[in-house]
Amino acid sequence: MITRRSFTLGLSLLCVPGLAQAQQANRRAMENVYKAMTYKQRTRIQEILTRAGVYSLGIDGVYGPGTEGGLLRGAVYLMRRSNNAAGISLSTRDGVIDYYRGILTGRYKAYY
C-alpha cells in the first residue's frame, strides 16, 4: 500500500541523484539525532524549515512523518538551490548531525 507519506518522500527524493539511497538508510539516525537535541533546538529547526517552505505543520519539537518529510525536502531544496554546493550528506550519522547543525547555525541561509 502506498501511503501519502511514502509517495511524498519518494517524489522529493527523486529530485537529487543519490540522495534517495542515503535517506532510506538513515531515517533512524535522523530521528535519533533529532530526539537527542534540546526542545529549543528541535523547534528552531521546525521554524527554519517552515520559513523555507518545506514544513507546514505545527512547531512542536516532535519527530514524526511531517518533520521527517520537512527535513528530507529541506535537504533536497538546499542541494538544488546550491547546485549541490551545500554538501549535504545524510548517508552517515555525522552527516545528519552536520546537516542539523548547518540549519541551526544559519550555514544554509544563503540558499533559502
PDB file of N, CA and C in Angstrom:
ATOM      1  N   MET A   1       0.839  -1.180   0.000  1.00  0.00           N
ATOM      2  CA  MET A   1       0.000   0.000   0.000  1.00  0.00           C
ATOM      3  C   MET A   1       0.881   1.238   0.000  1.00  0.00           C
ATOM      4  N   ILE A   2       0.580   2.176  -0.855  1.00  0.00           N
ATOM      5  CA  ILE A   2       1.319   3.431  -0.916  1.00  0.00           C
ATOM      6  C   ILE A   2       0.601   4.445  -0.046  1.00  0.00           C
ATOM      7  N   THR A   3       1.308   4.947   0.934  1.00  0.00           N
ATOM      8  CA  THR A   3       0.728   5.976   1.788  1.00  0.00           C
ATOM      9  C   THR A   3       1.119   7.344   1.267  1.00  0.00           C
ATOM     10  N   ARG A   4       0.420   8.351   1.740  1.00  0.00           N
ATOM     11  CA  ARG A   4       0.737   9.726   1.335  1.00  0.00           C
ATOM     12  C   ARG A   4       2.172  10.074   1.704  1.00  0.00           C
ATOM     13  N   ARG A   5       2.584   9.616   2.881  1.00  0.00           N
ATOM     14  CA  ARG A   5       3.945   9.902   3.344  1.00  0.00           C
ATOM     15  C   ARG A   5       4.982   9.298   2.411  1.00  0.00           C
ATOM     16  N   SER A   6       4.830   8.018   2.086  1.00  0.00           N
ATOM     17  CA  SER A   6       5.844   7.376   1.241  1.00  0.00           C
ATOM     18  C   SER A   6       5.837   7.954  -0.164  1.00  0.00           C
ATOM     19  N   PHE A   7       4.669   8.320  -0.675  1.00  0.00           N
ATOM     20  CA  PHE A   7       4.580   8.925  -2.001  1.00  0.00           C
ATOM     21  C   PHE A   7       5.289  10.274  -2.019  1.00  0.00           C
ATOM     22  N   THR A   8       5.014  11.126  -1.006  1.00  0.00           N
ATOM     23  CA  THR A   8       5.627  12.453  -0.929  1.00  0.00           C
ATOM     24  C   THR A   8       7.137  12.340  -0.763  1.00  0.00           C
ATOM     25  N   LEU A   9       7.587  11.474   0.139  1.00  0.00           N
ATOM     26  CA  LEU A   9       9.020  11.299   0.347  1.00  0.00           C
ATOM     27  C   LEU A   9       9.675  10.760  -0.911  1.00  0.00           C
ATOM     28  N   GLY A  10       9.013   9.836  -1.575  1.00  0.00           N
ATOM     29  CA  GLY A  10       9.570   9.281  -2.805  1.00  0.00           C
ATOM     30  C   GLY A  10       9.748  10.337  -3.868  1.00  0.00           C
ATOM     31  N   LEU A  11       8.755  11.185  -4.042  1.00  0.00           N
ATOM     32  CA  LEU A  11       8.868  12.252  -5.031  1.00  0.00           C
ATOM     33  C   LEU A  11       9.979  13.222  -4.682  1.00  0.00           C
ATOM     34  N   SER A  12      10.079  13.607  -3.416  1.00  0.00           N
ATOM     35  CA  SER A  12      11.107  14.570  -3.041  1.00  0.00           C
ATOM     36  C   SER A  12      12.506  13.984  -3.198  1.00  0.00           C
ATOM     37  N   LEU A  13      12.650  12.701  -2.970  1.00  0.00           N
ATOM     38  CA  LEU A  13      13.965  12.081  -3.067  1.00  0.00           C
ATOM     39  C   LEU A  13      14.434  11.915  -4.509  1.00  0.00           C
ATOM     40  N   LEU A  14      13.505  11.880  -5.442  1.00  0.00           N
ATOM     41  CA  LEU A  14      13.889  11.753  -6.842  1.00  0.00           C
ATOM     42  C   LEU A  14      14.558  13.003  -7.383  1.00  0.00           C
ATOM     43  N   CYS A  15      14.427  14.104  -6.673  1.00  0.00           N
ATOM     44  CA  CYS A  15      14.930  15.384  -7.158  1.00  0.00           C
ATOM     45  C   CYS A  15      16.447  15.490  -7.129  1.00  0.00           C
ATOM     46  N   VAL A  16      17.120  14.756  -6.266  1.00  0.00           N
ATOM     47  CA  VAL A  16      18.568  14.846  -6.154  1.00  0.00           C
ATOM     48  C   VAL A  16      19.162  13.448  -6.311  1.00  0.00           C
ATOM     49  N   PRO A  17      19.952  13.232  -7.349  1.00  0.00           N
ATOM     50  CA  PRO A  17      20.547  11.916  -7.568  1.00  0.00           C
ATOM     51  C   PRO A  17      21.368  11.469  -6.366  1.00  0.00           C
ATOM     52  N   GLY A  18      21.204  10.210  -5.979  1.00  0.00           N
ATOM     53  CA  GLY A  18      21.982   9.650  -4.886  1.00  0.00           C
ATOM     54  C   GLY A  18      21.433   9.933  -3.501  1.00  0.00           C
ATOM     55  N   LEU A  19      20.572  10.941  -3.361  1.00  0.00           N
ATOM     56  CA  LEU A  19      20.057  11.281  -2.037  1.00  0.00           C
ATOM     57  C   LEU A  19      19.050  10.248  -1.554  1.00  0.00           C
ATOM     58  N   ALA A  20      18.335   9.620  -2.477  1.00  0.00           N
ATOM     59  CA  ALA A  20      17.302   8.659  -2.097  1.00  0.00           C
ATOM     60  C   ALA A  20      17.890   7.499  -1.294  1.00  0.00           C
ATOM     61  N   GLN A  21      19.008   6.954  -1.740  1.00  0.00           N
ATOM     62  CA  GLN A  21      19.602   5.825  -1.045  1.00  0.00           C
ATOM     63  C   GLN A  21      20.034   6.231   0.371  1.00  0.00           C
ATOM     64  N   ALA A  22      20.585   7.407   0.498  1.00  0.00           N
ATOM     65  CA  ALA A  22      21.038   7.874   1.807  1.00  0.00           C
ATOM     66  C   ALA A  22      19.866   8.057   2.746  1.00  0.00           C
ATOM     67  N   GLN A  23      18.755   8.611   2.249  1.00  0.00           N
ATOM     68  CA  GLN A  23      17.609   8.855   3.101  1.00  0.00           C
ATOM     69  C   GLN A  23      17.036   7.545   3.634  1.00  0.00           C
ATOM     70  N   GLN A  24      16.907   6.567   2.771  1.00  0.00           N
ATOM     71  CA  GLN A  24      16.340   5.289   3.183  1.00  0.00           C
ATOM     72  C   GLN A  24      17.195   4.641   4.277  1.00  0.00           C
ATOM     73  N   ALA A  25      18.485   4.766   4.159  1.00  0.00           N
ATOM     74  CA  ALA A  25      19.387   4.102   5.092  1.00  0.00           C
ATOM     75  C   ALA A  25      19.522   4.838   6.412  1.00  0.00           C
ATOM     76  N   ASN A  26      19.149   6.111   6.460  1.00  0.00           N
ATOM     77  CA  ASN A  26      19.457   6.902   7.643  1.00  0.00           C
ATOM     78  C   ASN A  26      18.259   7.525   8.350  1.00  0.00           C
ATOM     79  N   ARG A  27      17.080   7.041   8.097  1.00  0.00           N
ATOM     80  CA  ARG A  27      15.912   7.570   8.799  1.00  0.00           C
ATOM     81  C   ARG A  27      16.064   7.411  10.307  1.00  0.00           C
ATOM     82  N   ARG A  28      16.598   6.289  10.720  1.00  0.00           N
ATOM     83  CA  ARG A  28      16.774   6.057  12.160  1.00  0.00           C
ATOM     84  C   ARG A  28      17.770   7.059  12.743  1.00  0.00           C
ATOM     85  N   ALA A  29      18.866   7.306  12.031  1.00  0.00           N
ATOM     86  CA  ALA A  29      19.852   8.286  12.507  1.00  0.00           C
ATOM     87  C   ALA A  29      19.236   9.677  12.549  1.00  0.00           C
ATOM     88  N   MET A  30      18.449  10.014  11.524  1.00  0.00           N
ATOM     89  CA  MET A  30      17.796  11.323  11.502  1.00  0.00           C
ATOM     90  C   MET A  30      16.902  11.490  12.723  1.00  0.00           C
ATOM     91  N   GLU A  31      16.137  10.457  13.045  1.00  0.00           N
ATOM     92  CA  GLU A  31      15.231  10.523  14.193  1.00  0.00           C
ATOM     93  C   GLU A  31      16.002  10.564  15.514  1.00  0.00           C
ATOM     94  N   ASN A  32      16.990   9.694  15.666  1.00  0.00           N
ATOM     95  CA  ASN A  32      17.734   9.624  16.921  1.00  0.00           C
ATOM     96  C   ASN A  32      18.500  10.910  17.216  1.00  0.00           C
ATOM     97  N   VAL A  33      19.142  11.470  16.208  1.00  0.00           N
ATOM     98  CA  VAL A  33      19.894  12.710  16.406  1.00  0.00           C
ATOM     99  C   VAL A  33      18.933  13.843  16.754  1.00  0.00           C
ATOM    100  N   TYR A  34      17.807  13.900  16.046  1.00  0.00           N
ATOM    101  CA  TYR A  34      16.807  14.945  16.297  1.00  0.00           C
ATOM    102  C   TYR A  34      16.285  14.851  17.736  1.00  0.00           C
ATOM    103  N   LYS A  35      15.958  13.646  18.163  1.00  0.00           N
ATOM    104  CA  LYS A  35      15.411  13.451  19.510  1.00  0.00           C
ATOM    105  C   LYS A  35      16.442  13.744  20.599  1.00  0.00           C
ATOM    106  N   ALA A  36      17.718  13.643  20.286  1.00  0.00           N
ATOM    107  CA  ALA A  36      18.773  13.911  21.264  1.00  0.00           C
ATOM    108  C   ALA A  36      19.005  15.411  21.470  1.00  0.00           C
ATOM    109  N   MET A  37      18.475  16.235  20.575  1.00  0.00           N
ATOM    110  CA  MET A  37      18.643  17.686  20.695  1.00  0.00           C
ATOM    111  C   MET A  37      17.684  18.232  21.749  1.00  0.00           C
ATOM    112  N   THR A  38      17.951  19.442  22.169  1.00  0.00           N
ATOM    113  CA  THR A  38      17.062  20.085  23.137  1.00  0.00           C
ATOM    114  C   THR A  38      15.750  20.466  22.450  1.00  0.00           C
ATOM    115  N   TYR A  39      14.731  20.686  23.263  1.00  0.00           N
ATOM    116  CA  TYR A  39      13.432  21.111  22.731  1.00  0.00           C
ATOM    117  C   TYR A  39      13.587  22.410  21.942  1.00  0.00           C
ATOM    118  N   LYS A  40      14.383  23.318  22.449  1.00  0.00           N
ATOM    119  CA  LYS A  40      14.595  24.604  21.776  1.00  0.00           C
ATOM    120  C   LYS A  40      15.228  24.400  20.395  1.00  0.00           C
ATOM    121  N   GLN A  41      16.210  23.521  20.301  1.00  0.00           N
ATOM    122  CA  GLN A  41      16.855  23.241  19.020  1.00  0.00           C
ATOM    123  C   GLN A  41      15.876  22.589  18.042  1.00  0.00           C
ATOM    124  N   ARG A  42      15.080  21.646  18.546  1.00  0.00           N
ATOM    125  CA  ARG A  42      14.119  20.954  17.677  1.00  0.00           C
ATOM    126  C   ARG A  42      13.068  21.913  17.125  1.00  0.00           C
ATOM    127  N   THR A  43      12.544  22.772  17.977  1.00  0.00           N
ATOM    128  CA  THR A  43      11.525  23.717  17.495  1.00  0.00           C
ATOM    129  C   THR A  43      12.149  24.755  16.573  1.00  0.00           C
ATOM    130  N   ARG A  44      13.391  25.113  16.821  1.00  0.00           N
ATOM    131  CA  ARG A  44      14.085  26.067  15.952  1.00  0.00           C
ATOM    132  C   ARG A  44      14.244  25.487  14.544  1.00  0.00           C
ATOM    133  N   ILE A  45      14.604  24.227  14.459  1.00  0.00           N
ATOM    134  CA  ILE A  45      14.724  23.578  13.160  1.00  0.00           C
ATOM    135  C   ILE A  45      13.376  23.598  12.447  1.00  0.00           C
ATOM    136  N   GLN A  46      12.305  23.273  13.162  1.00  0.00           N
ATOM    137  CA  GLN A  46      10.978  23.296  12.538  1.00  0.00           C
ATOM    138  C   GLN A  46      10.609  24.706  12.074  1.00  0.00           C
ATOM    139  N   GLU A  47      10.965  25.718  12.843  1.00  0.00           N
ATOM    140  CA  GLU A  47      10.686  27.098  12.442  1.00  0.00           C
ATOM    141  C   GLU A  47      11.432  27.457  11.155  1.00  0.00           C
ATOM    142  N   ILE A  48      12.691  27.081  11.077  1.00  0.00           N
ATOM    143  CA  ILE A  48      13.511  27.385   9.897  1.00  0.00           C
ATOM    144  C   ILE A  48      12.964  26.644   8.674  1.00  0.00           C
ATOM    145  N   LEU A  49      12.593  25.381   8.851  1.00  0.00           N
ATOM    146  CA  LEU A  49      12.021  24.616   7.745  1.00  0.00           C
ATOM    147  C   LEU A  49      10.700  25.224   7.287  1.00  0.00           C
ATOM    148  N   THR A  50       9.925  25.763   8.227  1.00  0.00           N
ATOM    149  CA  THR A  50       8.661  26.425   7.887  1.00  0.00           C
ATOM    150  C   THR A  50       8.929  27.667   7.052  1.00  0.00           C
ATOM    151  N   ARG A  51       9.886  28.479   7.475  1.00  0.00           N
ATOM    152  CA  ARG A  51      10.230  29.699   6.716  1.00  0.00           C
ATOM    153  C   ARG A  51      10.753  29.361   5.323  1.00  0.00           C
ATOM    154  N   ALA A  52      11.429  28.221   5.206  1.00  0.00           N
ATOM    155  CA  ALA A  52      11.953  27.805   3.898  1.00  0.00           C
ATOM    156  C   ALA A  52      10.844  27.226   3.014  1.00  0.00           C
ATOM    157  N   GLY A  53       9.678  26.993   3.601  1.00  0.00           N
ATOM    158  CA  GLY A  53       8.549  26.488   2.831  1.00  0.00           C
ATOM    159  C   GLY A  53       8.545  24.984   2.615  1.00  0.00           C
ATOM    160  N   VAL A  54       9.294  24.238   3.425  1.00  0.00           N
ATOM    161  CA  VAL A  54       9.341  22.788   3.257  1.00  0.00           C
ATOM    162  C   VAL A  54       8.671  22.031   4.394  1.00  0.00           C
ATOM    163  N   TYR A  55       8.131  22.767   5.371  1.00  0.00           N
ATOM    164  CA  TYR A  55       7.439  22.169   6.517  1.00  0.00           C
ATOM    165  C   TYR A  55       6.256  23.053   6.850  1.00  0.00           C
ATOM    166  N   SER A  56       5.078  22.435   6.984  1.00  0.00           N
ATOM    167  CA  SER A  56       3.890  23.258   7.203  1.00  0.00           C
ATOM    168  C   SER A  56       3.030  22.803   8.375  1.00  0.00           C
ATOM    169  N   LEU A  57       3.559  21.965   9.227  1.00  0.00           N
ATOM    170  CA  LEU A  57       2.791  21.503  10.376  1.00  0.00           C
ATOM    171  C   LEU A  57       3.145  22.333  11.600  1.00  0.00           C
ATOM    172  N   GLY A  58       2.651  21.932  12.750  1.00  0.00           N
ATOM    173  CA  GLY A  58       2.876  22.682  13.974  1.00  0.00           C
ATOM    174  C   GLY A  58       4.316  22.661  14.448  1.00  0.00           C
ATOM    175  N   ILE A  59       4.685  23.714  15.133  1.00  0.00           N
ATOM    176  CA  ILE A  59       6.026  23.812  15.730  1.00  0.00           C
ATOM    177  C   ILE A  59       5.915  23.204  17.126  1.00  0.00           C
ATOM    178  N   ASP A  60       6.208  21.915  17.227  1.00  0.00           N
ATOM    179  CA  ASP A  60       6.028  21.214  18.493  1.00  0.00           C
ATOM    180  C   ASP A  60       7.273  20.472  18.963  1.00  0.00           C
ATOM    181  N   GLY A  61       8.315  20.435  18.140  1.00  0.00           N
ATOM    182  CA  GLY A  61       9.551  19.759  18.521  1.00  0.00           C
ATOM    183  C   GLY A  61       9.482  18.249  18.440  1.00  0.00           C
ATOM    184  N   VAL A  62       8.375  17.708  17.952  1.00  0.00           N
ATOM    185  CA  VAL A  62       8.188  16.259  17.877  1.00  0.00           C
ATOM    186  C   VAL A  62       8.662  15.748  16.516  1.00  0.00           C
ATOM    187  N   TYR A  63       9.377  14.629  16.539  1.00  0.00           N
ATOM    188  CA  TYR A  63       9.808  13.994  15.297  1.00  0.00           C
ATOM    189  C   TYR A  63       8.724  13.035  14.848  1.00  0.00           C
ATOM    190  N   GLY A  64       8.149  13.320  13.719  1.00  0.00           N
ATOM    191  CA  GLY A  64       7.125  12.457  13.135  1.00  0.00           C
ATOM    192  C   GLY A  64       7.251  12.513  11.635  1.00  0.00           C
ATOM    193  N   PRO A  65       6.258  11.985  10.927  1.00  0.00           N
ATOM    194  CA  PRO A  65       6.306  11.975   9.469  1.00  0.00           C
ATOM    195  C   PRO A  65       6.427  13.375   8.875  1.00  0.00           C
ATOM    196  N   GLY A  66       5.779  14.358   9.483  1.00  0.00           N
ATOM    197  CA  GLY A  66       5.855  15.724   8.961  1.00  0.00           C
ATOM    198  C   GLY A  66       7.242  16.317   9.099  1.00  0.00           C
ATOM    199  N   THR A  67       7.844  16.134  10.255  1.00  0.00           N
ATOM    200  CA  THR A  67       9.195  16.654  10.481  1.00  0.00           C
ATOM    201  C   THR A  67      10.196  15.922   9.590  1.00  0.00           C
ATOM    202  N   GLU A  68      10.062  14.608   9.517  1.00  0.00           N
ATOM    203  CA  GLU A  68      10.969  13.844   8.660  1.00  0.00           C
ATOM    204  C   GLU A  68      10.854  14.300   7.208  1.00  0.00           C
ATOM    205  N   GLY A  69       9.640  14.452   6.742  1.00  0.00           N
ATOM    206  CA  GLY A  69       9.435  14.919   5.378  1.00  0.00           C
ATOM    207  C   GLY A  69      10.006  16.303   5.161  1.00  0.00           C
ATOM    208  N   GLY A  70       9.824  17.191   6.141  1.00  0.00           N
ATOM    209  CA  GLY A  70      10.376  18.543   6.035  1.00  0.00           C
ATOM    210  C   GLY A  70      11.892  18.535   5.976  1.00  0.00           C
ATOM    211  N   LEU A  71      12.504  17.694   6.789  1.00  0.00           N
ATOM    212  CA  LEU A  71      13.963  17.590   6.785  1.00  0.00           C
ATOM    213  C   LEU A  71      14.469  17.061   5.447  1.00  0.00           C
ATOM    214  N   LEU A  72      13.798  16.051   4.913  1.00  0.00           N
ATOM    215  CA  LEU A  72      14.203  15.499   3.617  1.00  0.00           C
ATOM    216  C   LEU A  72      13.963  16.503   2.497  1.00  0.00           C
ATOM    217  N   ARG A  73      12.800  17.145   2.504  1.00  0.00           N
ATOM    218  CA  ARG A  73      12.534  18.170   1.479  1.00  0.00           C
ATOM    219  C   ARG A  73      13.521  19.326   1.616  1.00  0.00           C
ATOM    220  N   GLY A  74      13.890  19.653   2.855  1.00  0.00           N
ATOM    221  CA  GLY A  74      14.865  20.714   3.085  1.00  0.00           C
ATOM    222  C   GLY A  74      16.214  20.373   2.477  1.00  0.00           C
ATOM    223  N   ALA A  75      16.652  19.133   2.646  1.00  0.00           N
ATOM    224  CA  ALA A  75      17.934  18.700   2.072  1.00  0.00           C
ATOM    225  C   ALA A  75      17.882  18.772   0.553  1.00  0.00           C
ATOM    226  N   VAL A  76      16.793  18.294  -0.019  1.00  0.00           N
ATOM    227  CA  VAL A  76      16.634  18.328  -1.472  1.00  0.00           C
ATOM    228  C   VAL A  76      16.625  19.776  -1.954  1.00  0.00           C
ATOM    229  N   TYR A  77      15.866  20.612  -1.270  1.00  0.00           N
ATOM    230  CA  TYR A  77      15.767  22.037  -1.626  1.00  0.00           C
ATOM    231  C   TYR A  77      17.141  22.713  -1.585  1.00  0.00           C
ATOM    232  N   LEU A  78      17.882  22.478  -0.506  1.00  0.00           N
ATOM    233  CA  LEU A  78      19.198  23.108  -0.360  1.00  0.00           C
ATOM    234  C   LEU A  78      20.178  22.622  -1.415  1.00  0.00           C
ATOM    235  N   MET A  79      20.165  21.336  -1.707  1.00  0.00           N
ATOM    236  CA  MET A  79      21.078  20.812  -2.718  1.00  0.00           C
ATOM    237  C   MET A  79      20.731  21.381  -4.090  1.00  0.00           C
ATOM    238  N   ARG A  80      19.453  21.494  -4.377  1.00  0.00           N
ATOM    239  CA  ARG A  80      19.032  22.045  -5.669  1.00  0.00           C
ATOM    240  C   ARG A  80      19.397  23.518  -5.775  1.00  0.00           C
ATOM    241  N   ARG A  81      19.081  24.301  -4.739  1.00  0.00           N
ATOM    242  CA  ARG A  81      19.346  25.742  -4.760  1.00  0.00           C
ATOM    243  C   ARG A  81      20.832  26.064  -4.788  1.00  0.00           C
ATOM    244  N   SER A  82      21.649  25.199  -4.211  1.00  0.00           N
ATOM    245  CA  SER A  82      23.090  25.460  -4.141  1.00  0.00           C
ATOM    246  C   SER A  82      23.865  24.774  -5.267  1.00  0.00           C
ATOM    247  N   ASN A  83      23.155  24.133  -6.179  1.00  0.00           N
ATOM    248  CA  ASN A  83      23.815  23.324  -7.213  1.00  0.00           C
ATOM    249  C   ASN A  83      24.757  22.307  -6.587  1.00  0.00           C
ATOM    250  N   ASN A  84      24.284  21.679  -5.545  1.00  0.00           N
ATOM    251  CA  ASN A  84      24.995  20.647  -4.781  1.00  0.00           C
ATOM    252  C   ASN A  84      26.176  21.174  -3.971  1.00  0.00           C
ATOM    253  N   ALA A  85      26.341  22.488  -3.883  1.00  0.00           N
ATOM    254  CA  ALA A  85      27.452  23.068  -3.124  1.00  0.00           C
ATOM    255  C   ALA A  85      27.213  23.033  -1.620  1.00  0.00           C
ATOM    256  N   ALA A  86      25.977  22.844  -1.188  1.00  0.00           N
ATOM    257  CA  ALA A  86      25.683  22.817   0.249  1.00  0.00           C
ATOM    258  C   ALA A  86      26.353  21.624   0.922  1.00  0.00           C
ATOM    259  N   GLY A  87      26.686  20.609   0.148  1.00  0.00           N
ATOM    260  CA  GLY A  87      27.432  19.468   0.677  1.00  0.00           C
ATOM    261  C   GLY A  87      26.679  18.645   1.705  1.00  0.00           C
ATOM    262  N   ILE A  88      25.387  18.519   1.536  1.00  0.00           N
ATOM    263  CA  ILE A  88      24.591  17.750   2.489  1.00  0.00           C
ATOM    264  C   ILE A  88      24.722  16.271   2.175  1.00  0.00           C
ATOM    265  N   SER A  89      25.109  15.511   3.184  1.00  0.00           N
ATOM    266  CA  SER A  89      25.191  14.064   3.049  1.00  0.00           C
ATOM    267  C   SER A  89      24.495  13.449   4.244  1.00  0.00           C
ATOM    268  N   LEU A  90      23.418  12.752   3.991  1.00  0.00           N
ATOM    269  CA  LEU A  90      22.687  12.093   5.068  1.00  0.00           C
ATOM    270  C   LEU A  90      22.969  10.597   5.095  1.00  0.00           C
ATOM    271  N   SER A  91      24.099  10.209   4.551  1.00  0.00           N
ATOM    272  CA  SER A  91      24.441   8.796   4.496  1.00  0.00           C
ATOM    273  C   SER A  91      25.107   8.296   5.772  1.00  0.00           C
ATOM    274  N   THR A  92      25.487   9.203   6.652  1.00  0.00           N
ATOM    275  CA  THR A  92      26.095   8.812   7.925  1.00  0.00           C
ATOM    276  C   THR A  92      25.470   9.617   9.056  1.00  0.00           C
ATOM    277  N   ARG A  93      25.639   9.125  10.260  1.00  0.00           N
ATOM    278  CA  ARG A  93      25.148   9.849  11.439  1.00  0.00           C
ATOM    279  C   ARG A  93      25.839  11.208  11.539  1.00  0.00           C
ATOM    280  N   ASP A  94      27.125  11.242  11.258  1.00  0.00           N
ATOM    281  CA  ASP A  94      27.863  12.505  11.291  1.00  0.00           C
ATOM    282  C   ASP A  94      27.329  13.489  10.256  1.00  0.00           C
ATOM    283  N   GLY A  95      26.945  12.975   9.091  1.00  0.00           N
ATOM    284  CA  GLY A  95      26.353  13.828   8.064  1.00  0.00           C
ATOM    285  C   GLY A  95      25.027  14.415   8.514  1.00  0.00           C
ATOM    286  N   VAL A  96      24.224  13.608   9.201  1.00  0.00           N
ATOM    287  CA  VAL A  96      22.948  14.082   9.744  1.00  0.00           C
ATOM    288  C   VAL A  96      23.202  15.170  10.783  1.00  0.00           C
ATOM    289  N   ILE A  97      24.149  14.929  11.670  1.00  0.00           N
ATOM    290  CA  ILE A  97      24.492  15.934  12.689  1.00  0.00           C
ATOM    291  C   ILE A  97      24.941  17.220  12.019  1.00  0.00           C
ATOM    292  N   ASP A  98      25.766  17.123  11.000  1.00  0.00           N
ATOM    293  CA  ASP A  98      26.255  18.301  10.286  1.00  0.00           C
ATOM    294  C   ASP A  98      25.111  19.059   9.608  1.00  0.00           C
ATOM    295  N   TYR A  99      24.170  18.332   9.031  1.00  0.00           N
ATOM    296  CA  TYR A  99      23.007  18.956   8.389  1.00  0.00           C
ATOM    297  C   TYR A  99      22.181  19.729   9.415  1.00  0.00           C
ATOM    298  N   TYR A 100      21.882  19.110  10.535  1.00  0.00           N
ATOM    299  CA  TYR A 100      21.103  19.794  11.577  1.00  0.00           C
ATOM    300  C   TYR A 100      21.865  21.006  12.122  1.00  0.00           C
ATOM    301  N   ARG A 101      23.168  20.833  12.334  1.00  0.00           N
ATOM    302  CA  ARG A 101      23.993  21.939  12.818  1.00  0.00           C
ATOM    303  C   ARG A 101      23.989  23.087  11.810  1.00  0.00           C
ATOM    304  N   GLY A 102      24.071  22.748  10.525  1.00  0.00           N
ATOM    305  CA  GLY A 102      24.035  23.761   9.474  1.00  0.00           C
ATOM    306  C   GLY A 102      22.730  24.541   9.466  1.00  0.00           C
ATOM    307  N   ILE A 103      21.625  23.845   9.707  1.00  0.00           N
ATOM    308  CA  ILE A 103      20.332  24.523   9.790  1.00  0.00           C
ATOM    309  C   ILE A 103      20.331  25.481  10.974  1.00  0.00           C
ATOM    310  N   LEU A 104      20.768  24.994  12.124  1.00  0.00           N
ATOM    311  CA  LEU A 104      20.727  25.796  13.351  1.00  0.00           C
ATOM    312  C   LEU A 104      21.671  26.987  13.329  1.00  0.00           C
ATOM    313  N   THR A 105      22.811  26.860  12.683  1.00  0.00           N
ATOM    314  CA  THR A 105      23.806  27.934  12.682  1.00  0.00           C
ATOM    315  C   THR A 105      23.612  28.936  11.552  1.00  0.00           C
ATOM    316  N   GLY A 106      22.703  28.617  10.633  1.00  0.00           N
ATOM    317  CA  GLY A 106      22.476  29.530   9.511  1.00  0.00           C
ATOM    318  C   GLY A 106      23.427  29.324   8.351  1.00  0.00           C
ATOM    319  N   ARG A 107      24.149  28.213   8.337  1.00  0.00           N
ATOM    320  CA  ARG A 107      25.107  27.943   7.258  1.00  0.00           C
ATOM    321  C   ARG A 107      24.434  27.924   5.873  1.00  0.00           C
ATOM    322  N   TYR A 108      23.185  27.523   5.833  1.00  0.00           N
ATOM    323  CA  TYR A 108      22.484  27.412   4.547  1.00  0.00           C
ATOM    324  C   TYR A 108      21.629  28.626   4.227  1.00  0.00           C
ATOM    325  N   LYS A 109      21.737  29.650   5.025  1.00  0.00           N
ATOM    326  CA  LYS A 109      20.877  30.819   4.879  1.00  0.00           C
ATOM    327  C   LYS A 109      20.953  31.439   3.477  1.00  0.00           C
ATOM    328  N   ALA A 110      22.099  31.393   2.856  1.00  0.00           N
ATOM    329  CA  ALA A 110      22.264  31.985   1.516  1.00  0.00           C
ATOM    330  C   ALA A 110      21.398  31.285   0.477  1.00  0.00           C
ATOM    331  N   TYR A 111      20.959  30.072   0.769  1.00  0.00           N
ATOM    332  CA  TYR A 111      20.197  29.298  -0.207  1.00  0.00           C
ATOM    333  C   TYR A 111      18.688  29.327   0.037  1.00  0.00           C
ATOM    334  N   TYR A 112      18.244  29.962   1.134  1.00  0.00           N
ATOM    335  CA  TYR A 112      16.799  29.989   1.436  1.00  0.00           C
ATOM    336  C   TYR A 112      16.102  30.968   0.524  1.00  0.00           C
TER     337      TYR A 112
END
